[in-house]
Amino acid sequence: QVQLVESGGGLVQAGGSLRLSCAASGRASSSSAMGWFRQTPGKEREFVAAIRWSGGSTIYADSVKGRFTISRDNAPITVYLQMNSLKLEDTAVYYCAVTPTYSSNSYYYFRATSYNYWGQGTQVTVSS
């Protein structure tokens, strides 16, 4: 079992910044990667970013590349999502997730079905 707890969401004006955190406990050390997804009402969960534990390589969705940065701490296991230059369309509930599987194919991490544990989500609202 892995427990994930997100924090750091809130209300921010367009152009501003937020940093999300995802604290992992339980058997998180057996995971191969952690990812961030986001979801708005009526839409499917959308991939945002992921980081592999081995080597620390990062993967981003095109919509956030250059604005968001994913990073990690190993002890305790925590993954961060630094979000800069926020846009109205970044408004969503943000979820972190872990996957036990390593894949050299970056697009593996784009799929929500690749992840087996999820946090409860944190709301990010960007206002004009």
C-alpha atoms as a PDB file:
ATOM      1  CA  GLN A   1       0.000   0.000   0.000  1.00  0.00           C
ATOM      2  CA  VAL A   2       1.093   3.534  -0.770  1.00  0.00           C
ATOM      3  CA  GLN A   3      -0.457   6.640   0.693  1.00  0.00           C
ATOM      4  CA  LEU A   4      -0.215   9.931  -1.164  1.00  0.00           C
ATOM      5  CA  VAL A   5      -1.200  13.312   0.230  1.00  0.00           C
ATOM      6  CA  GLU A   6      -1.200  16.418  -1.956  1.00  0.00           C
ATOM      7  CA  SER A   7      -0.999  19.961  -0.644  1.00  0.00           C
ATOM      8  CA  GLY A   8      -0.292  23.446  -1.868  1.00  0.00           C
ATOM      9  CA  GLY A   9      -3.315  24.125  -4.002  1.00  0.00           C
ATOM     10  CA  GLY A  10      -5.228  27.369  -3.816  1.00  0.00           C
ATOM     11  CA  LEU A  11      -6.361  30.467  -5.642  1.00  0.00           C
ATOM     12  CA  VAL A  12      -3.861  32.441  -7.674  1.00  0.00           C
ATOM     13  CA  GLN A  13      -4.051  35.143 -10.299  1.00  0.00           C
ATOM     14  CA  ALA A  14      -3.087  34.445 -13.871  1.00  0.00           C
ATOM     15  CA  GLY A  15       0.646  34.803 -14.295  1.00  0.00           C
ATOM     16  CA  GLY A  16       1.286  33.782 -10.713  1.00  0.00           C
ATOM     17  CA  SER A  17       2.921  30.710  -9.215  1.00  0.00           C
ATOM     18  CA  LEU A  18       2.063  27.831  -6.927  1.00  0.00           C
ATOM     19  CA  ARG A  19       4.016  24.848  -5.674  1.00  0.00           C
ATOM     20  CA  LEU A  20       2.225  21.578  -5.095  1.00  0.00           C
ATOM     21  CA  SER A  21       3.614  18.871  -2.857  1.00  0.00           C
ATOM     22  CA  CYS A  22       2.865  15.168  -2.752  1.00  0.00           C
ATOM     23  CA  ALA A  23       4.046  13.306   0.330  1.00  0.00           C
ATOM     24  CA  ALA A  24       4.305   9.559  -0.097  1.00  0.00           C
ATOM     25  CA  SER A  25       4.327   6.957   2.641  1.00  0.00           C
ATOM     26  CA  GLY A  26       3.909   3.236   2.963  1.00  0.00           C
ATOM     27  CA  ARG A  27       5.645   1.205   0.257  1.00  0.00           C
ATOM     28  CA  ALA A  28       6.363   4.254  -1.882  1.00  0.00           C
ATOM     29  CA  SER A  29      10.034   3.320  -2.159  1.00  0.00           C
ATOM     30  CA  SER A  30       9.029   0.361  -4.338  1.00  0.00           C
ATOM     31  CA  SER A  31       7.581   2.714  -6.959  1.00  0.00           C
ATOM     32  CA  SER A  32       9.422   3.528 -10.177  1.00  0.00           C
ATOM     33  CA  ALA A  33       7.953   6.921 -10.924  1.00  0.00           C
ATOM     34  CA  MET A  34       5.520   9.528  -9.696  1.00  0.00           C
ATOM     35  CA  GLY A  35       3.313  11.667 -11.803  1.00  0.00           C
ATOM     36  CA  TRP A  36       0.972  14.612 -11.636  1.00  0.00           C
ATOM     37  CA  PHE A  37      -2.361  14.680 -13.404  1.00  0.00           C
ATOM     38  CA  ARG A  38      -5.186  17.188 -13.430  1.00  0.00           C
ATOM     39  CA  GLN A  39      -8.889  16.988 -14.017  1.00  0.00           C
ATOM     40  CA  THR A  40     -11.738  19.394 -14.638  1.00  0.00           C
ATOM     41  CA  PRO A  41     -15.432  18.522 -14.389  1.00  0.00           C
ATOM     42  CA  GLY A  42     -16.663  16.425 -17.271  1.00  0.00           C
ATOM     43  CA  LYS A  43     -13.192  15.749 -18.643  1.00  0.00           C
ATOM     44  CA  GLU A  44     -10.776  12.860 -18.402  1.00  0.00           C
ATOM     45  CA  ARG A  45      -7.800  13.032 -16.127  1.00  0.00           C
ATOM     46  CA  GLU A  46      -4.961  14.731 -18.030  1.00  0.00           C
ATOM     47  CA  PHE A  47      -1.261  14.018 -17.687  1.00  0.00           C
ATOM     48  CA  VAL A  48       0.850  16.946 -16.482  1.00  0.00           C
ATOM     49  CA  ALA A  49       4.312  15.685 -15.542  1.00  0.00           C
ATOM     50  CA  ALA A  50       6.207  12.666 -14.242  1.00  0.00           C
ATOM     51  CA  ILE A  51       9.586  11.912 -12.737  1.00  0.00           C
ATOM     52  CA  ARG A  52      11.369   8.587 -12.762  1.00  0.00           C
ATOM     53  CA  TRP A  53      13.155   7.567  -9.572  1.00  0.00           C
ATOM     54  CA  SER A  54      15.987   5.985 -11.535  1.00  0.00           C
ATOM     55  CA  GLY A  55      18.039   8.846 -12.871  1.00  0.00           C
ATOM     56  CA  GLY A  56      15.442  11.465 -12.058  1.00  0.00           C
ATOM     57  CA  SER A  57      14.444  12.040 -15.671  1.00  0.00           C
ATOM     58  CA  THR A  58      11.353  14.176 -16.150  1.00  0.00           C
ATOM     59  CA  ILE A  59       8.504  14.146 -18.638  1.00  0.00           C
ATOM     60  CA  TYR A  60       6.050  16.952 -19.338  1.00  0.00           C
ATOM     61  CA  ALA A  61       2.873  17.494 -21.254  1.00  0.00           C
ATOM     62  CA  ASP A  62       3.303  20.042 -24.026  1.00  0.00           C
ATOM     63  CA  SER A  63       0.731  22.310 -22.381  1.00  0.00           C
ATOM     64  CA  VAL A  64       2.938  22.877 -19.326  1.00  0.00           C
ATOM     65  CA  LYS A  65       6.442  22.501 -20.755  1.00  0.00           C
ATOM     66  CA  GLY A  66       8.586  25.487 -19.859  1.00  0.00           C
ATOM     67  CA  ARG A  67       6.174  26.640 -17.140  1.00  0.00           C
ATOM     68  CA  PHE A  68       5.978  23.696 -14.727  1.00  0.00           C
ATOM     69  CA  THR A  69       8.827  21.825 -13.054  1.00  0.00           C
ATOM     70  CA  ILE A  70       8.572  18.474 -11.318  1.00  0.00           C
ATOM     71  CA  SER A  71      11.149  17.552  -8.707  1.00  0.00           C
ATOM     72  CA  ARG A  72      11.583  15.183  -5.800  1.00  0.00           C
ATOM     73  CA  ASP A  73      13.080  14.590  -2.397  1.00  0.00           C
ATOM     74  CA  ASN A  74      14.005  11.057  -1.430  1.00  0.00           C
ATOM     75  CA  ALA A  75      13.735  11.170   2.343  1.00  0.00           C
ATOM     76  CA  PRO A  76      10.916  11.445   3.013  1.00  0.00           C
ATOM     77  CA  ILE A  77       9.621  10.706  -0.465  1.00  0.00           C
ATOM     78  CA  THR A  78       8.035  13.903  -1.687  1.00  0.00           C
ATOM     79  CA  VAL A  79       7.364  15.104  -5.212  1.00  0.00           C
ATOM     80  CA  TYR A  80       6.816  18.750  -6.045  1.00  0.00           C
ATOM     81  CA  LEU A  81       5.206  20.529  -8.937  1.00  0.00           C
ATOM     82  CA  GLN A  82       6.364  24.109  -9.307  1.00  0.00           C
ATOM     83  CA  MET A  83       3.840  25.922 -11.468  1.00  0.00           C
ATOM     84  CA  ASN A  84       4.814  29.279 -12.925  1.00  0.00           C
ATOM     85  CA  SER A  85       3.107  31.607 -15.390  1.00  0.00           C
ATOM     86  CA  LEU A  86      -0.222  30.062 -14.521  1.00  0.00           C
ATOM     87  CA  LYS A  87      -3.049  30.393 -17.011  1.00  0.00           C
ATOM     88  CA  LEU A  88      -6.810  30.233 -16.590  1.00  0.00           C
ATOM     89  CA  GLU A  89      -6.790  26.850 -18.320  1.00  0.00           C
ATOM     90  CA  ASP A  90      -4.559  25.421 -15.588  1.00  0.00           C
ATOM     91  CA  THR A  91      -7.535  25.498 -13.235  1.00  0.00           C
ATOM     92  CA  ALA A  92      -8.231  21.918 -12.160  1.00  0.00           C
ATOM     93  CA  VAL A  93      -7.972  19.407  -9.379  1.00  0.00           C
ATOM     94  CA  TYR A  94      -4.390  18.162  -9.358  1.00  0.00           C
ATOM     95  CA  TYR A  95      -3.594  14.568  -8.398  1.00  0.00           C
ATOM     96  CA  CYS A  96      -0.317  12.818  -7.761  1.00  0.00           C
ATOM     97  CA  ALA A  97       0.109   9.144  -8.471  1.00  0.00           C
ATOM     98  CA  VAL A  98       2.749   6.428  -8.389  1.00  0.00           C
ATOM     99  CA  THR A  99       3.555   3.567 -10.700  1.00  0.00           C
ATOM    100  CA  PRO A 100       5.627   0.485  -9.902  1.00  0.00           C
ATOM    101  CA  THR A 101       6.672   0.087 -13.530  1.00  0.00           C
ATOM    102  CA  TYR A 102       9.709   1.556 -15.191  1.00  0.00           C
ATOM    103  CA  SER A 103       9.339   2.267 -18.892  1.00  0.00           C
ATOM    104  CA  SER A 104      11.833   3.771 -21.293  1.00  0.00           C
ATOM    105  CA  ASN A 105       8.842   4.916 -23.342  1.00  0.00           C
ATOM    106  CA  SER A 106       7.863   8.318 -21.990  1.00  0.00           C
ATOM    107  CA  TYR A 107       4.313   7.986 -23.262  1.00  0.00           C
ATOM    108  CA  TYR A 108       3.758   5.138 -20.829  1.00  0.00           C
ATOM    109  CA  TYR A 109       3.606   7.751 -18.104  1.00  0.00           C
ATOM    110  CA  PHE A 110       0.969   9.777 -19.931  1.00  0.00           C
ATOM    111  CA  ARG A 111      -1.659   7.125 -19.274  1.00  0.00           C
ATOM    112  CA  ALA A 112      -3.616   7.273 -16.016  1.00  0.00           C
ATOM    113  CA  THR A 113      -3.970   3.494 -16.168  1.00  0.00           C
ATOM    114  CA  SER A 114      -0.198   3.159 -15.753  1.00  0.00           C
ATOM    115  CA  TYR A 115      -0.501   4.327 -12.139  1.00  0.00           C
ATOM    116  CA  ASN A 116      -1.789   2.222  -9.282  1.00  0.00           C
ATOM    117  CA  TYR A 117      -2.030   4.607  -6.330  1.00  0.00           C
ATOM    118  CA  TRP A 118      -3.513   8.092  -6.284  1.00  0.00           C
ATOM    119  CA  GLY A 119      -3.812  10.950  -3.872  1.00  0.00           C
ATOM    120  CA  GLN A 120      -7.051  12.685  -3.018  1.00  0.00           C
ATOM    121  CA  GLY A 121      -6.337  15.751  -5.129  1.00  0.00           C
ATOM    122  CA  THR A 122      -5.820  19.442  -4.467  1.00  0.00           C
ATOM    123  CA  GLN A 123      -7.736  22.261  -6.138  1.00  0.00           C
ATOM    124  CA  VAL A 124      -5.865  24.870  -8.151  1.00  0.00           C
ATOM    125  CA  THR A 125      -7.901  27.846  -9.303  1.00  0.00           C
ATOM    126  CA  VAL A 126      -6.396  30.499 -11.559  1.00  0.00           C
ATOM    127  CA  SER A 127      -8.332  33.748 -11.753  1.00  0.00           C
ATOM    128  CA  SER A 128      -8.131  36.616 -14.212  1.00  0.00           C
END
